[in-house]
Structure formats: C-alpha cells, structure tokens
C-alpha cells in the first residue's frame, strides 16, 4: 500500500512540474517589431505602451540586403555605432529573445540608425 501512495505522490509532483513549466512558456509573448510595416525607419517610438517581459520574442521582418538587426549596448544605441563583437542578424525574419532589463537594437546600414531605425526595449 505504501508503494501506491508513493506512485500517486510522484504523479502529483510530475503534474505540478509540468504545470509550472507550461505556465512559464505560456507567459512569453511574441511581438512583431513595427507591426505590419516591419523593421524600418522611424522605429524609436514603437515600444511605447508595450509591456515586455524577459523571455519574450521580438520578430524583425525586413528585406535582407536592405537592412539588418544588430544587438548593441546603450552606447551603441546612443551613438549608432556597432560595438566590436556585436551580434548581427541578416535573415530578414530574425527572432530574438529578449533578456531582463534594457535591450537595444539598431540597423547599422549607413544612415539607417540615425534615421530612427533603432529601438530600446525594457523587459521586466
């Protein structure tokens, strides 16, 4: 009889673990940067009014060869310069999971960042 209770307890623990894992996955959201317009010029205000969380995914849609997405630090964002070792995405359909705190992204094609093709996203 003790084995029966142990098995039932193990199932409850397994069910609880699955529920917690599922709720963590369900909380992550996906945002298409620029909405229907995609990743383009004048993006600075796009994050306004949105509530991002660590683990959310940003989808950057754009024409490869015309734009890119570069993950930068605050200095890179403010100066529109790509720091050494920065991650550069070029697929045109980039999916980037954001971390807690500030996340900065620019397009480093000549003049694009300076024309507002950059966003700063703060994730809780």
PDB file of N, CA and C in Angstrom:
ATOM      1  N   UNK A   1       0.807  -1.183   0.000  1.00  0.00           N
ATOM      2  CA  UNK A   1       0.000   0.000   0.000  1.00  0.00           C
ATOM      3  C   UNK A   1       0.863   1.266   0.000  1.00  0.00           C
ATOM      4  N   UNK A   2       1.986   1.268   0.663  1.00  0.00           N
ATOM      5  CA  UNK A   2       2.874   2.425   0.678  1.00  0.00           C
ATOM      6  C   UNK A   2       3.383   2.739  -0.723  1.00  0.00           C
ATOM      7  N   UNK A   3       3.607   1.695  -1.540  1.00  0.00           N
ATOM      8  CA  UNK A   3       4.068   1.935  -2.909  1.00  0.00           C
ATOM      9  C   UNK A   3       3.007   2.681  -3.702  1.00  0.00           C
ATOM     10  N   UNK A   4       1.738   2.380  -3.488  1.00  0.00           N
ATOM     11  CA  UNK A   4       0.660   3.060  -4.192  1.00  0.00           C
ATOM     12  C   UNK A   4       0.657   4.541  -3.894  1.00  0.00           C
ATOM     13  N   UNK A   5       0.815   4.898  -2.616  1.00  0.00           N
ATOM     14  CA  UNK A   5       0.837   6.312  -2.241  1.00  0.00           C
ATOM     15  C   UNK A   5       2.066   7.003  -2.823  1.00  0.00           C
ATOM     16  N   UNK A   6       3.192   6.309  -2.840  1.00  0.00           N
ATOM     17  CA  UNK A   6       4.412   6.875  -3.415  1.00  0.00           C
ATOM     18  C   UNK A   6       4.243   7.144  -4.898  1.00  0.00           C
ATOM     19  N   UNK A   7       3.613   6.228  -5.605  1.00  0.00           N
ATOM     20  CA  UNK A   7       3.366   6.421  -7.036  1.00  0.00           C
ATOM     21  C   UNK A   7       2.429   7.597  -7.270  1.00  0.00           C
ATOM     22  N   UNK A   8       1.387   7.696  -6.439  1.00  0.00           N
ATOM     23  CA  UNK A   8       0.440   8.807  -6.581  1.00  0.00           C
ATOM     24  C   UNK A   8       1.155  10.129  -6.306  1.00  0.00           C
ATOM     25  N   UNK A   9       2.023  10.144  -5.305  1.00  0.00           N
ATOM     26  CA  UNK A   9       2.776  11.353  -4.968  1.00  0.00           C
ATOM     27  C   UNK A   9       3.703  11.744  -6.124  1.00  0.00           C
ATOM     28  N   UNK A  10       4.350  10.763  -6.712  1.00  0.00           N
ATOM     29  CA  UNK A  10       5.244  11.023  -7.838  1.00  0.00           C
ATOM     30  C   UNK A  10       4.467  11.619  -9.009  1.00  0.00           C
ATOM     31  N   UNK A  11       3.275  11.129  -9.269  1.00  0.00           N
ATOM     32  CA  UNK A  11       2.450  11.664 -10.352  1.00  0.00           C
ATOM     33  C   UNK A  11       2.051  13.103 -10.070  1.00  0.00           C
ATOM     34  N   UNK A  12       1.712  13.418  -8.819  1.00  0.00           N
ATOM     35  CA  UNK A  12       1.349  14.789  -8.466  1.00  0.00           C
ATOM     36  C   UNK A  12       2.537  15.731  -8.638  1.00  0.00           C
ATOM     37  N   UNK A  13       3.709  15.275  -8.235  1.00  0.00           N
ATOM     38  CA  UNK A  13       4.914  16.092  -8.401  1.00  0.00           C
ATOM     39  C   UNK A  13       5.182  16.322  -9.887  1.00  0.00           C
ATOM     40  N   UNK A  14       5.072  15.279 -10.681  1.00  0.00           N
ATOM     41  CA  UNK A  14       5.272  15.395 -12.120  1.00  0.00           C
ATOM     42  C   UNK A  14       4.246  16.350 -12.737  1.00  0.00           C
ATOM     43  N   UNK A  15       2.996  16.235 -12.337  1.00  0.00           N
ATOM     44  CA  UNK A  15       1.943  17.114 -12.841  1.00  0.00           C
ATOM     45  C   UNK A  15       2.213  18.568 -12.447  1.00  0.00           C
ATOM     46  N   UNK A  16       2.660  18.785 -11.214  1.00  0.00           N
ATOM     47  CA  UNK A  16       2.978  20.122 -10.748  1.00  0.00           C
ATOM     48  C   UNK A  16       4.137  20.723 -11.555  1.00  0.00           C
ATOM     49  N   UNK A  17       5.173  19.928 -11.780  1.00  0.00           N
ATOM     50  CA  UNK A  17       6.320  20.393 -12.573  1.00  0.00           C
ATOM     51  C   UNK A  17       5.890  20.764 -13.990  1.00  0.00           C
ATOM     52  N   UNK A  18       5.063  19.925 -14.591  1.00  0.00           N
ATOM     53  CA  UNK A  18       4.573  20.201 -15.941  1.00  0.00           C
ATOM     54  C   UNK A  18       3.758  21.489 -15.964  1.00  0.00           C
ATOM     55  N   UNK A  19       2.910  21.699 -14.962  1.00  0.00           N
ATOM     56  CA  UNK A  19       2.076  22.902 -14.894  1.00  0.00           C
ATOM     57  C   UNK A  19       2.928  24.162 -14.779  1.00  0.00           C
ATOM     58  N   UNK A  20       3.965  24.109 -13.945  1.00  0.00           N
ATOM     59  CA  UNK A  20       4.843  25.265 -13.778  1.00  0.00           C
ATOM     60  C   UNK A  20       5.579  25.551 -15.081  1.00  0.00           C
ATOM     61  N   UNK A  21       6.125  24.527 -15.706  1.00  0.00           N
ATOM     62  CA  UNK A  21       6.832  24.694 -16.974  1.00  0.00           C
ATOM     63  C   UNK A  21       5.900  25.257 -18.033  1.00  0.00           C
ATOM     64  N   UNK A  22       4.704  24.727 -18.121  1.00  0.00           N
ATOM     65  CA  UNK A  22       3.746  25.187 -19.120  1.00  0.00           C
ATOM     66  C   UNK A  22       3.373  26.647 -18.883  1.00  0.00           C
ATOM     67  N   UNK A  23       3.185  27.041 -17.638  1.00  0.00           N
ATOM     68  CA  UNK A  23       2.813  28.431 -17.361  1.00  0.00           C
ATOM     69  C   UNK A  23       3.955  29.372 -17.712  1.00  0.00           C
ATOM     70  N   UNK A  24       5.210  28.970 -17.515  1.00  0.00           N
ATOM     71  CA  UNK A  24       6.348  29.804 -17.899  1.00  0.00           C
ATOM     72  C   UNK A  24       6.384  29.989 -19.405  1.00  0.00           C
ATOM     73  N   UNK A  25       6.139  28.930 -20.148  1.00  0.00           N
ATOM     74  CA  UNK A  25       6.141  29.010 -21.608  1.00  0.00           C
ATOM     75  C   UNK A  25       4.978  29.867 -22.085  1.00  0.00           C
ATOM     76  N   UNK A  26       3.824  29.718 -21.473  1.00  0.00           N
ATOM     77  CA  UNK A  26       2.629  30.437 -21.898  1.00  0.00           C
ATOM     78  C   UNK A  26       2.767  31.935 -21.666  1.00  0.00           C
ATOM     79  N   UNK A  27       3.571  32.348 -20.727  1.00  0.00           N
ATOM     80  CA  UNK A  27       3.721  33.766 -20.428  1.00  0.00           C
ATOM     81  C   UNK A  27       4.541  34.514 -21.466  1.00  0.00           C
ATOM     82  N   UNK A  28       5.422  33.849 -22.164  1.00  0.00           N
ATOM     83  CA  UNK A  28       6.261  34.518 -23.159  1.00  0.00           C
ATOM     84  C   UNK A  28       5.392  34.967 -24.329  1.00  0.00           C
ATOM     85  N   UNK A  29       5.613  36.203 -24.753  1.00  0.00           N
ATOM     86  CA  UNK A  29       4.849  36.765 -25.865  1.00  0.00           C
ATOM     87  C   UNK A  29       5.773  36.979 -27.059  1.00  0.00           C
ATOM     88  N   UNK A  30       5.179  37.087 -28.226  1.00  0.00           N
ATOM     89  CA  UNK A  30       5.914  37.377 -29.445  1.00  0.00           C
ATOM     90  C   UNK A  30       5.406  38.701 -30.004  1.00  0.00           C
ATOM     91  N   UNK A  31       6.325  39.601 -30.303  1.00  0.00           N
ATOM     92  CA  UNK A  31       5.998  40.906 -30.852  1.00  0.00           C
ATOM     93  C   UNK A  31       6.660  41.056 -32.209  1.00  0.00           C
ATOM     94  N   UNK A  32       5.913  41.494 -33.192  1.00  0.00           N
ATOM     95  CA  UNK A  32       6.480  41.817 -34.499  1.00  0.00           C
ATOM     96  C   UNK A  32       6.867  43.283 -34.478  1.00  0.00           C
ATOM     97  N   UNK A  33       8.159  43.536 -34.533  1.00  0.00           N
ATOM     98  CA  UNK A  33       8.680  44.904 -34.471  1.00  0.00           C
ATOM     99  C   UNK A  33       8.168  45.691 -35.672  1.00  0.00           C
ATOM    100  N   UNK A  34       7.545  46.841 -35.383  1.00  0.00           N
ATOM    101  CA  UNK A  34       6.987  47.676 -36.445  1.00  0.00           C
ATOM    102  C   UNK A  34       5.617  47.226 -36.900  1.00  0.00           C
ATOM    103  N   UNK A  35       5.083  46.200 -36.243  1.00  0.00           N
ATOM    104  CA  UNK A  35       3.773  45.647 -36.593  1.00  0.00           C
ATOM    105  C   UNK A  35       3.748  45.296 -38.083  1.00  0.00           C
ATOM    106  N   UNK A  36       2.709  45.676 -38.804  1.00  0.00           N
ATOM    107  CA  UNK A  36       2.568  45.279 -40.213  1.00  0.00           C
ATOM    108  C   UNK A  36       3.632  45.916 -41.106  1.00  0.00           C
ATOM    109  N   UNK A  37       4.174  47.071 -40.690  1.00  0.00           N
ATOM    110  CA  UNK A  37       5.194  47.742 -41.505  1.00  0.00           C
ATOM    111  C   UNK A  37       6.559  47.080 -41.414  1.00  0.00           C
ATOM    112  N   UNK A  38       6.787  46.302 -40.369  1.00  0.00           N
ATOM    113  CA  UNK A  38       8.071  45.643 -40.200  1.00  0.00           C
ATOM    114  C   UNK A  38       9.143  46.592 -39.687  1.00  0.00           C
ATOM    115  N   UNK A  39      10.362  46.090 -39.697  1.00  0.00           N
ATOM    116  CA  UNK A  39      11.554  46.808 -39.213  1.00  0.00           C
ATOM    117  C   UNK A  39      11.950  47.800 -40.285  1.00  0.00           C
ATOM    118  N   UNK A  40      11.768  49.089 -40.007  1.00  0.00           N
ATOM    119  CA  UNK A  40      12.020  50.129 -40.994  1.00  0.00           C
ATOM    120  C   UNK A  40      12.468  51.417 -40.300  1.00  0.00           C
ATOM    121  N   UNK A  41      12.554  52.501 -41.013  1.00  0.00           N
ATOM    122  CA  UNK A  41      12.971  53.778 -40.439  1.00  0.00           C
ATOM    123  C   UNK A  41      11.907  54.297 -39.464  1.00  0.00           C
ATOM    124  N   UNK A  42      12.305  55.206 -38.585  1.00  0.00           N
ATOM    125  CA  UNK A  42      11.407  55.842 -37.613  1.00  0.00           C
ATOM    126  C   UNK A  42      10.745  54.855 -36.659  1.00  0.00           C
ATOM    127  N   UNK A  43      11.533  53.952 -36.104  1.00  0.00           N
ATOM    128  CA  UNK A  43      11.020  52.905 -35.205  1.00  0.00           C
ATOM    129  C   UNK A  43      11.147  53.259 -33.724  1.00  0.00           C
ATOM    130  N   UNK A  44      11.827  54.326 -33.374  1.00  0.00           N
ATOM    131  CA  UNK A  44      12.180  54.620 -31.991  1.00  0.00           C
ATOM    132  C   UNK A  44      10.980  54.531 -31.051  1.00  0.00           C
ATOM    133  N   UNK A  45       9.828  55.004 -31.453  1.00  0.00           N
ATOM    134  CA  UNK A  45       8.650  55.009 -30.586  1.00  0.00           C
ATOM    135  C   UNK A  45       7.854  53.723 -30.569  1.00  0.00           C
ATOM    136  N   UNK A  46       8.190  52.752 -31.411  1.00  0.00           N
ATOM    137  CA  UNK A  46       7.392  51.524 -31.490  1.00  0.00           C
ATOM    138  C   UNK A  46       7.203  50.823 -30.141  1.00  0.00           C
ATOM    139  N   UNK A  47       8.186  50.739 -29.263  1.00  0.00           N
ATOM    140  CA  UNK A  47       7.975  50.028 -27.990  1.00  0.00           C
ATOM    141  C   UNK A  47       7.023  50.737 -27.019  1.00  0.00           C
ATOM    142  N   UNK A  48       6.735  52.017 -27.233  1.00  0.00           N
ATOM    143  CA  UNK A  48       5.908  52.776 -26.295  1.00  0.00           C
ATOM    144  C   UNK A  48       4.555  52.105 -26.074  1.00  0.00           C
ATOM    145  N   UNK A  49       4.182  51.978 -24.802  1.00  0.00           N
ATOM    146  CA  UNK A  49       2.887  51.402 -24.444  1.00  0.00           C
ATOM    147  C   UNK A  49       2.856  49.887 -24.392  1.00  0.00           C
ATOM    148  N   UNK A  50       3.938  49.247 -24.759  1.00  0.00           N
ATOM    149  CA  UNK A  50       4.008  47.793 -24.706  1.00  0.00           C
ATOM    150  C   UNK A  50       4.695  47.364 -23.413  1.00  0.00           C
ATOM    151  N   UNK A  51       4.298  46.232 -22.879  1.00  0.00           N
ATOM    152  CA  UNK A  51       4.868  45.738 -21.625  1.00  0.00           C
ATOM    153  C   UNK A  51       5.611  44.432 -21.905  1.00  0.00           C
ATOM    154  N   UNK A  52       6.917  44.527 -22.017  1.00  0.00           N
ATOM    155  CA  UNK A  52       7.757  43.388 -22.363  1.00  0.00           C
ATOM    156  C   UNK A  52       8.220  42.665 -21.108  1.00  0.00           C
ATOM    157  N   UNK A  53       8.421  41.360 -21.249  1.00  0.00           N
ATOM    158  CA  UNK A  53       8.958  40.544 -20.163  1.00  0.00           C
ATOM    159  C   UNK A  53      10.157  39.770 -20.690  1.00  0.00           C
ATOM    160  N   UNK A  54      11.086  39.485 -19.785  1.00  0.00           N
ATOM    161  CA  UNK A  54      12.228  38.641 -20.160  1.00  0.00           C
ATOM    162  C   UNK A  54      11.691  37.338 -20.722  1.00  0.00           C
ATOM    163  N   UNK A  55      12.248  36.906 -21.828  1.00  0.00           N
ATOM    164  CA  UNK A  55      11.801  35.679 -22.483  1.00  0.00           C
ATOM    165  C   UNK A  55      10.865  35.932 -23.645  1.00  0.00           C
ATOM    166  N   UNK A  56      10.332  37.163 -23.766  1.00  0.00           N
ATOM    167  CA  UNK A  56       9.518  37.490 -24.934  1.00  0.00           C
ATOM    168  C   UNK A  56      10.403  37.464 -26.179  1.00  0.00           C
ATOM    169  N   UNK A  57       9.765  37.282 -27.318  1.00  0.00           N
ATOM    170  CA  UNK A  57      10.495  37.230 -28.586  1.00  0.00           C
ATOM    171  C   UNK A  57      10.106  38.415 -29.454  1.00  0.00           C
ATOM    172  N   UNK A  58      11.114  39.068 -30.000  1.00  0.00           N
ATOM    173  CA  UNK A  58      10.901  40.130 -30.986  1.00  0.00           C
ATOM    174  C   UNK A  58      11.170  39.543 -32.361  1.00  0.00           C
ATOM    175  N   UNK A  59      10.248  39.772 -33.280  1.00  0.00           N
ATOM    176  CA  UNK A  59      10.408  39.314 -34.660  1.00  0.00           C
ATOM    177  C   UNK A  59      10.672  40.541 -35.522  1.00  0.00           C
ATOM    178  N   UNK A  60      11.799  40.530 -36.205  1.00  0.00           N
ATOM    179  CA  UNK A  60      12.196  41.628 -37.085  1.00  0.00           C
ATOM    180  C   UNK A  60      12.005  41.168 -38.529  1.00  0.00           C
ATOM    181  N   UNK A  61      11.034  41.749 -39.231  1.00  0.00           N
ATOM    182  CA  UNK A  61      10.786  41.437 -40.643  1.00  0.00           C
ATOM    183  C   UNK A  61      11.274  42.595 -41.502  1.00  0.00           C
ATOM    184  N   UNK A  62      12.112  42.288 -42.497  1.00  0.00           N
ATOM    185  CA  UNK A  62      12.669  43.319 -43.369  1.00  0.00           C
ATOM    186  C   UNK A  62      13.254  42.643 -44.601  1.00  0.00           C
ATOM    187  N   UNK A  63      13.634  43.427 -45.577  1.00  0.00           N
ATOM    188  CA  UNK A  63      14.268  42.892 -46.786  1.00  0.00           C
ATOM    189  C   UNK A  63      15.751  42.670 -46.520  1.00  0.00           C
ATOM    190  N   UNK A  64      16.212  41.400 -46.592  1.00  0.00           N
ATOM    191  CA  UNK A  64      17.649  41.155 -46.404  1.00  0.00           C
ATOM    192  C   UNK A  64      18.438  41.906 -47.475  1.00  0.00           C
ATOM    193  N   UNK A  65      19.574  42.427 -47.090  1.00  0.00           N
ATOM    194  CA  UNK A  65      20.391  43.197 -48.009  1.00  0.00           C
ATOM    195  C   UNK A  65      20.051  44.680 -47.981  1.00  0.00           C
ATOM    196  N   UNK A  66      18.839  45.013 -47.496  1.00  0.00           N
ATOM    197  CA  UNK A  66      18.441  46.417 -47.385  1.00  0.00           C
ATOM    198  C   UNK A  66      18.577  46.903 -45.942  1.00  0.00           C
ATOM    199  N   UNK A  67      18.491  45.969 -44.992  1.00  0.00           N
ATOM    200  CA  UNK A  67      18.568  46.276 -43.563  1.00  0.00           C
ATOM    201  C   UNK A  67      19.224  45.103 -42.845  1.00  0.00           C
ATOM    202  N   UNK A  68      19.459  45.292 -41.552  1.00  0.00           N
ATOM    203  CA  UNK A  68      19.881  44.217 -40.672  1.00  0.00           C
ATOM    204  C   UNK A  68      19.431  44.573 -39.262  1.00  0.00           C
ATOM    205  N   UNK A  69      19.708  43.716 -38.309  1.00  0.00           N
ATOM    206  CA  UNK A  69      19.426  43.985 -36.896  1.00  0.00           C
ATOM    207  C   UNK A  69      20.704  43.697 -36.133  1.00  0.00           C
ATOM    208  N   UNK A  70      21.126  44.662 -35.336  1.00  0.00           N
ATOM    209  CA  UNK A  70      22.336  44.499 -34.543  1.00  0.00           C
ATOM    210  C   UNK A  70      21.969  44.693 -33.074  1.00  0.00           C
ATOM    211  N   UNK A  71      22.353  43.728 -32.252  1.00  0.00           N
ATOM    212  CA  UNK A  71      22.158  43.839 -30.807  1.00  0.00           C
ATOM    213  C   UNK A  71      23.325  44.655 -30.263  1.00  0.00           C
ATOM    214  N   UNK A  72      23.006  45.786 -29.645  1.00  0.00           N
ATOM    215  CA  UNK A  72      24.045  46.699 -29.166  1.00  0.00           C
ATOM    216  C   UNK A  72      23.834  47.021 -27.682  1.00  0.00           C
ATOM    217  N   UNK A  73      24.814  47.696 -27.111  1.00  0.00           N
ATOM    218  CA  UNK A  73      24.685  48.206 -25.752  1.00  0.00           C
ATOM    219  C   UNK A  73      24.139  49.639 -25.834  1.00  0.00           C
ATOM    220  N   UNK A  74      23.972  50.289 -24.684  1.00  0.00           N
ATOM    221  CA  UNK A  74      23.409  51.646 -24.663  1.00  0.00           C
ATOM    222  C   UNK A  74      24.264  52.620 -25.477  1.00  0.00           C
ATOM    223  N   UNK A  75      25.579  52.513 -25.346  1.00  0.00           N
ATOM    224  CA  UNK A  75      26.459  53.409 -26.100  1.00  0.00           C
ATOM    225  C   UNK A  75      26.274  53.217 -27.599  1.00  0.00           C
ATOM    226  N   UNK A  76      26.199  51.962 -28.042  1.00  0.00           N
ATOM    227  CA  UNK A  76      25.969  51.683 -29.461  1.00  0.00           C
ATOM    228  C   UNK A  76      24.635  52.234 -29.937  1.00  0.00           C
ATOM    229  N   UNK A  77      23.626  52.128 -29.072  1.00  0.00           N
ATOM    230  CA  UNK A  77      22.302  52.672 -29.389  1.00  0.00           C
ATOM    231  C   UNK A  77      22.357  54.194 -29.501  1.00  0.00           C
ATOM    232  N   UNK A  78      22.957  54.826 -28.495  1.00  0.00           N
ATOM    233  CA  UNK A  78      23.013  56.298 -28.467  1.00  0.00           C
ATOM    234  C   UNK A  78      23.847  56.886 -29.597  1.00  0.00           C
ATOM    235  N   UNK A  79      24.936  56.214 -29.963  1.00  0.00           N
ATOM    236  CA  UNK A  79      25.849  56.751 -30.977  1.00  0.00           C
ATOM    237  C   UNK A  79      25.624  56.170 -32.372  1.00  0.00           C
ATOM    238  N   UNK A  80      24.753  55.161 -32.468  1.00  0.00           N
ATOM    239  CA  UNK A  80      24.518  54.466 -33.743  1.00  0.00           C
ATOM    240  C   UNK A  80      25.796  53.838 -34.275  1.00  0.00           C
ATOM    241  N   UNK A  81      26.592  53.301 -33.365  1.00  0.00           N
ATOM    242  CA  UNK A  81      27.823  52.609 -33.747  1.00  0.00           C
ATOM    243  C   UNK A  81      27.749  51.169 -33.265  1.00  0.00           C
ATOM    244  N   UNK A  82      28.283  50.269 -34.075  1.00  0.00           N
ATOM    245  CA  UNK A  82      28.276  48.850 -33.743  1.00  0.00           C
ATOM    246  C   UNK A  82      29.505  48.506 -32.914  1.00  0.00           C
ATOM    247  N   UNK A  83      29.292  48.082 -31.667  1.00  0.00           N
ATOM    248  CA  UNK A  83      30.442  47.697 -30.843  1.00  0.00           C
ATOM    249  C   UNK A  83      31.110  46.432 -31.387  1.00  0.00           C
ATOM    250  N   UNK A  84      32.396  46.294 -31.114  1.00  0.00           N
ATOM    251  CA  UNK A  84      33.132  45.099 -31.516  1.00  0.00           C
ATOM    252  C   UNK A  84      32.459  43.874 -30.904  1.00  0.00           C
ATOM    253  N   UNK A  85      32.268  42.853 -31.695  1.00  0.00           N
ATOM    254  CA  UNK A  85      31.694  41.596 -31.220  1.00  0.00           C
ATOM    255  C   UNK A  85      30.173  41.592 -31.137  1.00  0.00           C
ATOM    256  N   UNK A  86      29.513  42.648 -31.606  1.00  0.00           N
ATOM    257  CA  UNK A  86      28.052  42.700 -31.557  1.00  0.00           C
ATOM    258  C   UNK A  86      27.455  41.625 -32.463  1.00  0.00           C
ATOM    259  N   UNK A  87      26.322  41.078 -32.048  1.00  0.00           N
ATOM    260  CA  UNK A  87      25.613  40.068 -32.841  1.00  0.00           C
ATOM    261  C   UNK A  87      24.835  40.776 -33.938  1.00  0.00           C
ATOM    262  N   UNK A  88      25.065  40.369 -35.190  1.00  0.00           N
ATOM    263  CA  UNK A  88      24.389  40.955 -36.346  1.00  0.00           C
ATOM    264  C   UNK A  88      23.488  39.895 -36.974  1.00  0.00           C
ATOM    265  N   UNK A  89      22.223  40.251 -37.165  1.00  0.00           N
ATOM    266  CA  UNK A  89      21.249  39.368 -37.817  1.00  0.00           C
ATOM    267  C   UNK A  89      20.963  39.915 -39.203  1.00  0.00           C
ATOM    268  N   UNK A  90      20.824  39.006 -40.190  1.00  0.00           N
ATOM    269  CA  UNK A  90      20.663  39.450 -41.576  1.00  0.00           C
ATOM    270  C   UNK A  90      19.649  38.628 -42.367  1.00  0.00           C
ATOM    271  N   UNK A  91      18.846  37.799 -41.703  1.00  0.00           N
ATOM    272  CA  UNK A  91      17.959  36.885 -42.428  1.00  0.00           C
ATOM    273  C   UNK A  91      16.720  37.547 -43.005  1.00  0.00           C
ATOM    274  N   UNK A  92      16.297  38.677 -42.418  1.00  0.00           N
ATOM    275  CA  UNK A  92      15.054  39.312 -42.849  1.00  0.00           C
ATOM    276  C   UNK A  92      13.845  38.805 -42.094  1.00  0.00           C
ATOM    277  N   UNK A  93      14.034  37.767 -41.302  1.00  0.00           N
ATOM    278  CA  UNK A  93      12.973  37.201 -40.463  1.00  0.00           C
ATOM    279  C   UNK A  93      13.592  36.762 -39.138  1.00  0.00           C
ATOM    280  N   UNK A  94      14.260  37.697 -38.481  1.00  0.00           N
ATOM    281  CA  UNK A  94      15.008  37.377 -37.266  1.00  0.00           C
ATOM    282  C   UNK A  94      14.090  37.317 -36.057  1.00  0.00           C
ATOM    283  N   UNK A  95      14.306  36.305 -35.228  1.00  0.00           N
ATOM    284  CA  UNK A  95      13.566  36.152 -33.979  1.00  0.00           C
ATOM    285  C   UNK A  95      14.573  36.211 -32.845  1.00  0.00           C
ATOM    286  N   UNK A  96      14.411  37.217 -31.976  1.00  0.00           N
ATOM    287  CA  UNK A  96      15.370  37.451 -30.911  1.00  0.00           C
ATOM    288  C   UNK A  96      14.647  37.455 -29.574  1.00  0.00           C
ATOM    289  N   UNK A  97      15.085  36.579 -28.680  1.00  0.00           N
ATOM    290  CA  UNK A  97      14.523  36.517 -27.332  1.00  0.00           C
ATOM    291  C   UNK A  97      15.194  37.591 -26.491  1.00  0.00           C
ATOM    292  N   UNK A  98      14.393  38.382 -25.797  1.00  0.00           N
ATOM    293  CA  UNK A  98      14.950  39.481 -25.011  1.00  0.00           C
ATOM    294  C   UNK A  98      15.191  39.059 -23.564  1.00  0.00           C
ATOM    295  N   UNK A  99      16.186  39.698 -22.969  1.00  0.00           N
ATOM    296  CA  UNK A  99      16.536  39.442 -21.580  1.00  0.00           C
ATOM    297  C   UNK A  99      15.966  40.516 -20.667  1.00  0.00           C
ATOM    298  N   UNK A 100      16.061  40.284 -19.386  1.00  0.00           N
ATOM    299  CA  UNK A 100      15.568  41.231 -18.392  1.00  0.00           C
ATOM    300  C   UNK A 100      16.385  42.520 -18.454  1.00  0.00           C
ATOM    301  N   UNK A 101      15.709  43.648 -18.315  1.00  0.00           N
ATOM    302  CA  UNK A 101      16.376  44.943 -18.366  1.00  0.00           C
ATOM    303  C   UNK A 101      16.309  45.543 -19.753  1.00  0.00           C
ATOM    304  N   UNK A 102      17.237  46.438 -20.035  1.00  0.00           N
ATOM    305  CA  UNK A 102      17.252  47.132 -21.324  1.00  0.00           C
ATOM    306  C   UNK A 102      17.853  46.254 -22.417  1.00  0.00           C
ATOM    307  N   UNK A 103      17.219  46.265 -23.572  1.00  0.00           N
ATOM    308  CA  UNK A 103      17.680  45.561 -24.765  1.00  0.00           C
ATOM    309  C   UNK A 103      17.697  46.597 -25.893  1.00  0.00           C
ATOM    310  N   UNK A 104      18.821  46.683 -26.596  1.00  0.00           N
ATOM    311  CA  UNK A 104      18.988  47.709 -27.624  1.00  0.00           C
ATOM    312  C   UNK A 104      19.254  47.063 -28.986  1.00  0.00           C
ATOM    313  N   UNK A 105      18.604  47.611 -30.024  1.00  0.00           N
ATOM    314  CA  UNK A 105      18.739  47.084 -31.375  1.00  0.00           C
ATOM    315  C   UNK A 105      18.841  48.252 -32.352  1.00  0.00           C
ATOM    316  N   UNK A 106      19.714  48.108 -33.339  1.00  0.00           N
ATOM    317  CA  UNK A 106      19.855  49.115 -34.392  1.00  0.00           C
ATOM    318  C   UNK A 106      20.000  48.406 -35.736  1.00  0.00           C
ATOM    319  N   UNK A 107      19.797  49.169 -36.806  1.00  0.00           N
ATOM    320  CA  UNK A 107      20.226  48.760 -38.140  1.00  0.00           C
ATOM    321  C   UNK A 107      21.502  49.533 -38.387  1.00  0.00           C
ATOM    322  N   UNK A 108      22.581  48.834 -38.763  1.00  0.00           N
ATOM    323  CA  UNK A 108      23.842  49.560 -38.940  1.00  0.00           C
ATOM    324  C   UNK A 108      24.161  49.882 -40.397  1.00  0.00           C
ATOM    325  N   UNK A 109      23.172  49.797 -41.292  1.00  0.00           N
ATOM    326  CA  UNK A 109      23.378  50.285 -42.651  1.00  0.00           C
ATOM    327  C   UNK A 109      23.528  51.805 -42.570  1.00  0.00           C
ATOM    328  N   UNK A 110      24.357  52.365 -43.419  1.00  0.00           N
ATOM    329  CA  UNK A 110      24.676  53.797 -43.377  1.00  0.00           C
ATOM    330  C   UNK A 110      23.419  54.663 -43.324  1.00  0.00           C
ATOM    331  N   UNK A 111      23.328  55.469 -42.257  1.00  0.00           N
ATOM    332  CA  UNK A 111      22.243  56.418 -42.100  1.00  0.00           C
ATOM    333  C   UNK A 111      20.943  55.871 -41.535  1.00  0.00           C
ATOM    334  N   UNK A 112      20.798  54.560 -41.468  1.00  0.00           N
ATOM    335  CA  UNK A 112      19.520  53.990 -41.026  1.00  0.00           C
ATOM    336  C   UNK A 112      19.265  54.234 -39.539  1.00  0.00           C
ATOM    337  N   UNK A 113      20.226  53.932 -38.691  1.00  0.00           N
ATOM    338  CA  UNK A 113      20.060  54.158 -37.255  1.00  0.00           C
ATOM    339  C   UNK A 113      19.814  55.639 -36.995  1.00  0.00           C
ATOM    340  N   UNK A 114      20.570  56.487 -37.652  1.00  0.00           N
ATOM    341  CA  UNK A 114      20.424  57.922 -37.480  1.00  0.00           C
ATOM    342  C   UNK A 114      19.030  58.400 -37.927  1.00  0.00           C
ATOM    343  N   UNK A 115      18.385  57.636 -38.796  1.00  0.00           N
ATOM    344  CA  UNK A 115      17.016  57.953 -39.263  1.00  0.00           C
ATOM    345  C   UNK A 115      15.956  57.248 -38.422  1.00  0.00           C
ATOM    346  N   UNK A 116      16.359  56.776 -37.252  1.00  0.00           N
ATOM    347  CA  UNK A 116      15.392  56.199 -36.312  1.00  0.00           C
ATOM    348  C   UNK A 116      15.170  54.715 -36.430  1.00  0.00           C
ATOM    349  N   UNK A 117      16.022  54.019 -37.145  1.00  0.00           N
ATOM    350  CA  UNK A 117      15.887  52.568 -37.247  1.00  0.00           C
ATOM    351  C   UNK A 117      16.635  51.943 -36.083  1.00  0.00           C
ATOM    352  N   UNK A 118      16.050  52.148 -34.890  1.00  0.00           N
ATOM    353  CA  UNK A 118      16.611  51.614 -33.663  1.00  0.00           C
ATOM    354  C   UNK A 118      15.496  51.573 -32.629  1.00  0.00           C
ATOM    355  N   UNK A 119      15.593  50.593 -31.730  1.00  0.00           N
ATOM    356  CA  UNK A 119      14.633  50.517 -30.631  1.00  0.00           C
ATOM    357  C   UNK A 119      15.353  50.135 -29.350  1.00  0.00           C
ATOM    358  N   UNK A 120      14.800  50.616 -28.244  1.00  0.00           N
ATOM    359  CA  UNK A 120      15.250  50.236 -26.906  1.00  0.00           C
ATOM    360  C   UNK A 120      14.033  49.620 -26.216  1.00  0.00           C
ATOM    361  N   UNK A 121      14.194  48.383 -25.769  1.00  0.00           N
ATOM    362  CA  UNK A 121      13.103  47.642 -25.142  1.00  0.00           C
ATOM    363  C   UNK A 121      13.495  47.297 -23.726  1.00  0.00           C
ATOM    364  N   UNK A 122      12.653  47.675 -22.775  1.00  0.00           N
ATOM    365  CA  UNK A 122      12.890  47.354 -21.366  1.00  0.00           C
ATOM    366  C   UNK A 122      11.989  46.187 -20.981  1.00  0.00           C
ATOM    367  N   UNK A 123      12.603  45.086 -20.547  1.00  0.00           N
ATOM    368  CA  UNK A 123      11.842  43.886 -20.195  1.00  0.00           C
ATOM    369  C   UNK A 123      11.880  43.670 -18.678  1.00  0.00           C
ATOM    370  N   UNK A 124      10.704  43.442 -18.126  1.00  0.00           N
ATOM    371  CA  UNK A 124      10.582  43.184 -16.682  1.00  0.00           C
ATOM    372  C   UNK A 124      11.045  41.777 -16.368  1.00  0.00           C
TER     373      UNK A 124
END
